[in-house]
Amino acid sequence: MEGNLILVKLLGLLLVIMSVGFLINFNVLQKISKELNKSYALEIIISFMRTLLGLVLVLSYNVWTGPYLLVTVVGWLILGVGVSGLLLPHQIMAAVPALTKKTAPLKVML
């Protein structure tokens, strides 16, 4: 269980650092999301990575009580987004332009 705790701490710190970096350099995030519109291959790769991360979290921490509840919920959400990106890439790619027109949805996703 201690190895899993290190993994969760590592992923948590990585997500915090990435979120703060994107909030500070928000124009970079907008450019990335506009480029994502154009590449199905990139969407599939990102969805694969999301699915892998979600599976790691769900298989390591599928505990619905106590302090691990947040990790479990986030893991299932990441897994759901990853799987939907793999199963429905056309629908995801169609939804991305609507999210990139306004900055509020991008900031909420961070």
C-alpha atoms as a PDB file:
ATOM      1  CA  MET A   1       0.000   0.000   0.000  1.00  0.00           C
ATOM      2  CA  GLU A   2       2.927   2.344   0.599  1.00  0.00           C
ATOM      3  CA  GLY A   3       3.994   2.127  -3.062  1.00  0.00           C
ATOM      4  CA  ASN A   4       0.497   3.144  -4.093  1.00  0.00           C
ATOM      5  CA  LEU A   5       0.644   6.120  -1.761  1.00  0.00           C
ATOM      6  CA  ILE A   6       3.854   7.303  -3.411  1.00  0.00           C
ATOM      7  CA  LEU A   7       2.201   6.971  -6.835  1.00  0.00           C
ATOM      8  CA  VAL A   8      -0.792   9.040  -5.740  1.00  0.00           C
ATOM      9  CA  LYS A   9       1.463  11.725  -4.243  1.00  0.00           C
ATOM     10  CA  LEU A  10       3.486  11.826  -7.451  1.00  0.00           C
ATOM     11  CA  LEU A  11       0.397  12.111  -9.646  1.00  0.00           C
ATOM     12  CA  GLY A  12      -1.150  14.697  -7.347  1.00  0.00           C
ATOM     13  CA  LEU A  13       1.938  16.893  -7.406  1.00  0.00           C
ATOM     14  CA  LEU A  14       2.218  16.526 -11.174  1.00  0.00           C
ATOM     15  CA  LEU A  15      -1.407  17.591 -11.663  1.00  0.00           C
ATOM     16  CA  VAL A  16      -0.993  20.589  -9.332  1.00  0.00           C
ATOM     17  CA  ILE A  17       2.199  21.724 -11.089  1.00  0.00           C
ATOM     18  CA  MET A  18       0.607  21.340 -14.532  1.00  0.00           C
ATOM     19  CA  SER A  19      -2.543  23.194 -13.499  1.00  0.00           C
ATOM     20  CA  VAL A  20      -0.625  26.105 -11.996  1.00  0.00           C
ATOM     21  CA  GLY A  21       1.627  26.234 -15.067  1.00  0.00           C
ATOM     22  CA  PHE A  22      -1.342  26.343 -17.433  1.00  0.00           C
ATOM     23  CA  LEU A  23      -3.099  28.985 -15.332  1.00  0.00           C
ATOM     24  CA  ILE A  24       0.010  31.170 -15.392  1.00  0.00           C
ATOM     25  CA  ASN A  25       0.538  30.609 -19.141  1.00  0.00           C
ATOM     26  CA  PHE A  26      -3.097  30.362 -20.184  1.00  0.00           C
ATOM     27  CA  ASN A  27      -2.417  31.408 -23.784  1.00  0.00           C
ATOM     28  CA  VAL A  28      -0.284  28.257 -24.189  1.00  0.00           C
ATOM     29  CA  LEU A  29      -3.243  26.109 -23.103  1.00  0.00           C
ATOM     30  CA  GLN A  30      -5.463  27.841 -25.660  1.00  0.00           C
ATOM     31  CA  LYS A  31      -2.917  27.152 -28.413  1.00  0.00           C
ATOM     32  CA  ILE A  32      -2.663  23.506 -27.366  1.00  0.00           C
ATOM     33  CA  SER A  33      -6.429  23.052 -27.425  1.00  0.00           C
ATOM     34  CA  LYS A  34      -6.666  24.661 -30.889  1.00  0.00           C
ATOM     35  CA  GLU A  35      -3.982  22.297 -32.183  1.00  0.00           C
ATOM     36  CA  LEU A  36      -5.829  19.369 -30.645  1.00  0.00           C
ATOM     37  CA  ASN A  37      -8.776  20.199 -32.923  1.00  0.00           C
ATOM     38  CA  LYS A  38      -6.696  19.240 -35.931  1.00  0.00           C
ATOM     39  CA  SER A  39      -5.213  15.920 -34.855  1.00  0.00           C
ATOM     40  CA  TYR A  40      -7.202  12.730 -34.340  1.00  0.00           C
ATOM     41  CA  ALA A  41      -3.978  10.820 -33.705  1.00  0.00           C
ATOM     42  CA  LEU A  42      -3.088  13.135 -30.832  1.00  0.00           C
ATOM     43  CA  GLU A  43      -6.564  12.737 -29.355  1.00  0.00           C
ATOM     44  CA  ILE A  44      -6.247   8.943 -29.478  1.00  0.00           C
ATOM     45  CA  ILE A  45      -2.818   9.070 -27.806  1.00  0.00           C
ATOM     46  CA  ILE A  46      -4.071  11.425 -25.105  1.00  0.00           C
ATOM     47  CA  SER A  47      -7.154   9.248 -24.554  1.00  0.00           C
ATOM     48  CA  PHE A  48      -4.943   6.174 -24.265  1.00  0.00           C
ATOM     49  CA  MET A  49      -2.804   7.914 -21.630  1.00  0.00           C
ATOM     50  CA  ARG A  50      -5.918   9.050 -19.737  1.00  0.00           C
ATOM     51  CA  THR A  51      -7.269   5.505 -19.781  1.00  0.00           C
ATOM     52  CA  LEU A  52      -3.973   4.138 -18.526  1.00  0.00           C
ATOM     53  CA  LEU A  53      -3.778   6.722 -15.724  1.00  0.00           C
ATOM     54  CA  GLY A  54      -7.408   6.097 -14.786  1.00  0.00           C
ATOM     55  CA  LEU A  55      -6.837   2.347 -14.647  1.00  0.00           C
ATOM     56  CA  VAL A  56      -3.773   2.785 -12.442  1.00  0.00           C
ATOM     57  CA  LEU A  57      -5.720   4.969 -10.014  1.00  0.00           C
ATOM     58  CA  VAL A  58      -8.839   2.787 -10.005  1.00  0.00           C
ATOM     59  CA  LEU A  59      -6.927  -0.469  -9.585  1.00  0.00           C
ATOM     60  CA  SER A  60      -4.684   1.018  -6.888  1.00  0.00           C
ATOM     61  CA  TYR A  61      -7.291   2.997  -4.929  1.00  0.00           C
ATOM     62  CA  ASN A  62     -10.829   1.807  -5.399  1.00  0.00           C
ATOM     63  CA  VAL A  63     -11.776   2.785  -1.835  1.00  0.00           C
ATOM     64  CA  TRP A  64     -15.068   4.624  -1.367  1.00  0.00           C
ATOM     65  CA  THR A  65     -14.485   5.778   2.212  1.00  0.00           C
ATOM     66  CA  GLY A  66     -12.068   7.962   4.060  1.00  0.00           C
ATOM     67  CA  PRO A  67      -9.362  10.115   2.542  1.00  0.00           C
ATOM     68  CA  TYR A  68      -9.033   7.929  -0.575  1.00  0.00           C
ATOM     69  CA  LEU A  69     -12.551   8.796  -1.754  1.00  0.00           C
ATOM     70  CA  LEU A  70     -11.303  11.792  -3.734  1.00  0.00           C
ATOM     71  CA  VAL A  71      -8.577   9.699  -5.402  1.00  0.00           C
ATOM     72  CA  THR A  72     -11.148   7.046  -6.325  1.00  0.00           C
ATOM     73  CA  VAL A  73     -13.598   9.560  -7.794  1.00  0.00           C
ATOM     74  CA  VAL A  74     -10.869  11.333  -9.780  1.00  0.00           C
ATOM     75  CA  GLY A  75      -9.581   7.969 -11.007  1.00  0.00           C
ATOM     76  CA  TRP A  76     -13.007   6.926 -12.259  1.00  0.00           C
ATOM     77  CA  LEU A  77     -13.544  10.320 -13.926  1.00  0.00           C
ATOM     78  CA  ILE A  78     -10.178  10.132 -15.696  1.00  0.00           C
ATOM     79  CA  LEU A  79     -10.918   6.563 -16.760  1.00  0.00           C
ATOM     80  CA  GLY A  80     -14.336   7.579 -18.104  1.00  0.00           C
ATOM     81  CA  VAL A  81     -12.939  10.481 -20.106  1.00  0.00           C
ATOM     82  CA  GLY A  82     -10.145   8.298 -21.475  1.00  0.00           C
ATOM     83  CA  VAL A  83     -12.452   5.481 -22.533  1.00  0.00           C
ATOM     84  CA  SER A  84     -14.936   7.904 -24.098  1.00  0.00           C
ATOM     85  CA  GLY A  85     -12.083   9.460 -26.081  1.00  0.00           C
ATOM     86  CA  LEU A  86     -11.109   6.038 -27.384  1.00  0.00           C
ATOM     87  CA  LEU A  87     -14.660   4.940 -28.180  1.00  0.00           C
ATOM     88  CA  LEU A  88     -16.053   8.255 -29.454  1.00  0.00           C
ATOM     89  CA  PRO A  89     -13.148  10.231 -30.968  1.00  0.00           C
ATOM     90  CA  HIS A  90     -15.336  11.992 -33.552  1.00  0.00           C
ATOM     91  CA  GLN A  91     -17.721  13.306 -30.908  1.00  0.00           C
ATOM     92  CA  ILE A  92     -14.861  14.449 -28.689  1.00  0.00           C
ATOM     93  CA  MET A  93     -13.160  16.216 -31.596  1.00  0.00           C
ATOM     94  CA  ALA A  94     -16.458  17.920 -32.474  1.00  0.00           C
ATOM     95  CA  ALA A  95     -16.863  19.190 -28.884  1.00  0.00           C
ATOM     96  CA  VAL A  96     -13.341  20.645 -28.553  1.00  0.00           C
ATOM     97  CA  PRO A  97     -13.966  23.803 -30.670  1.00  0.00           C
ATOM     98  CA  ALA A  98     -16.931  24.758 -28.490  1.00  0.00           C
ATOM     99  CA  LEU A  99     -14.752  24.502 -25.386  1.00  0.00           C
ATOM    100  CA  THR A 100     -11.911  26.559 -26.844  1.00  0.00           C
ATOM    101  CA  LYS A 101     -14.030  29.544 -27.927  1.00  0.00           C
ATOM    102  CA  LYS A 102     -14.465  30.696 -24.332  1.00  0.00           C
ATOM    103  CA  THR A 103     -11.786  30.661 -21.674  1.00  0.00           C
ATOM    104  CA  ALA A 104     -14.078  29.772 -18.744  1.00  0.00           C
ATOM    105  CA  PRO A 105     -14.505  26.047 -19.594  1.00  0.00           C
ATOM    106  CA  LEU A 106     -10.738  25.670 -19.994  1.00  0.00           C
ATOM    107  CA  LYS A 107     -10.086  27.249 -16.610  1.00  0.00           C
ATOM    108  CA  VAL A 108     -12.721  25.033 -14.978  1.00  0.00           C
ATOM    109  CA  MET A 109     -11.088  21.914 -16.453  1.00  0.00           C
ATOM    110  CA  LEU A 110      -7.798  22.870 -14.766  1.00  0.00           C
END
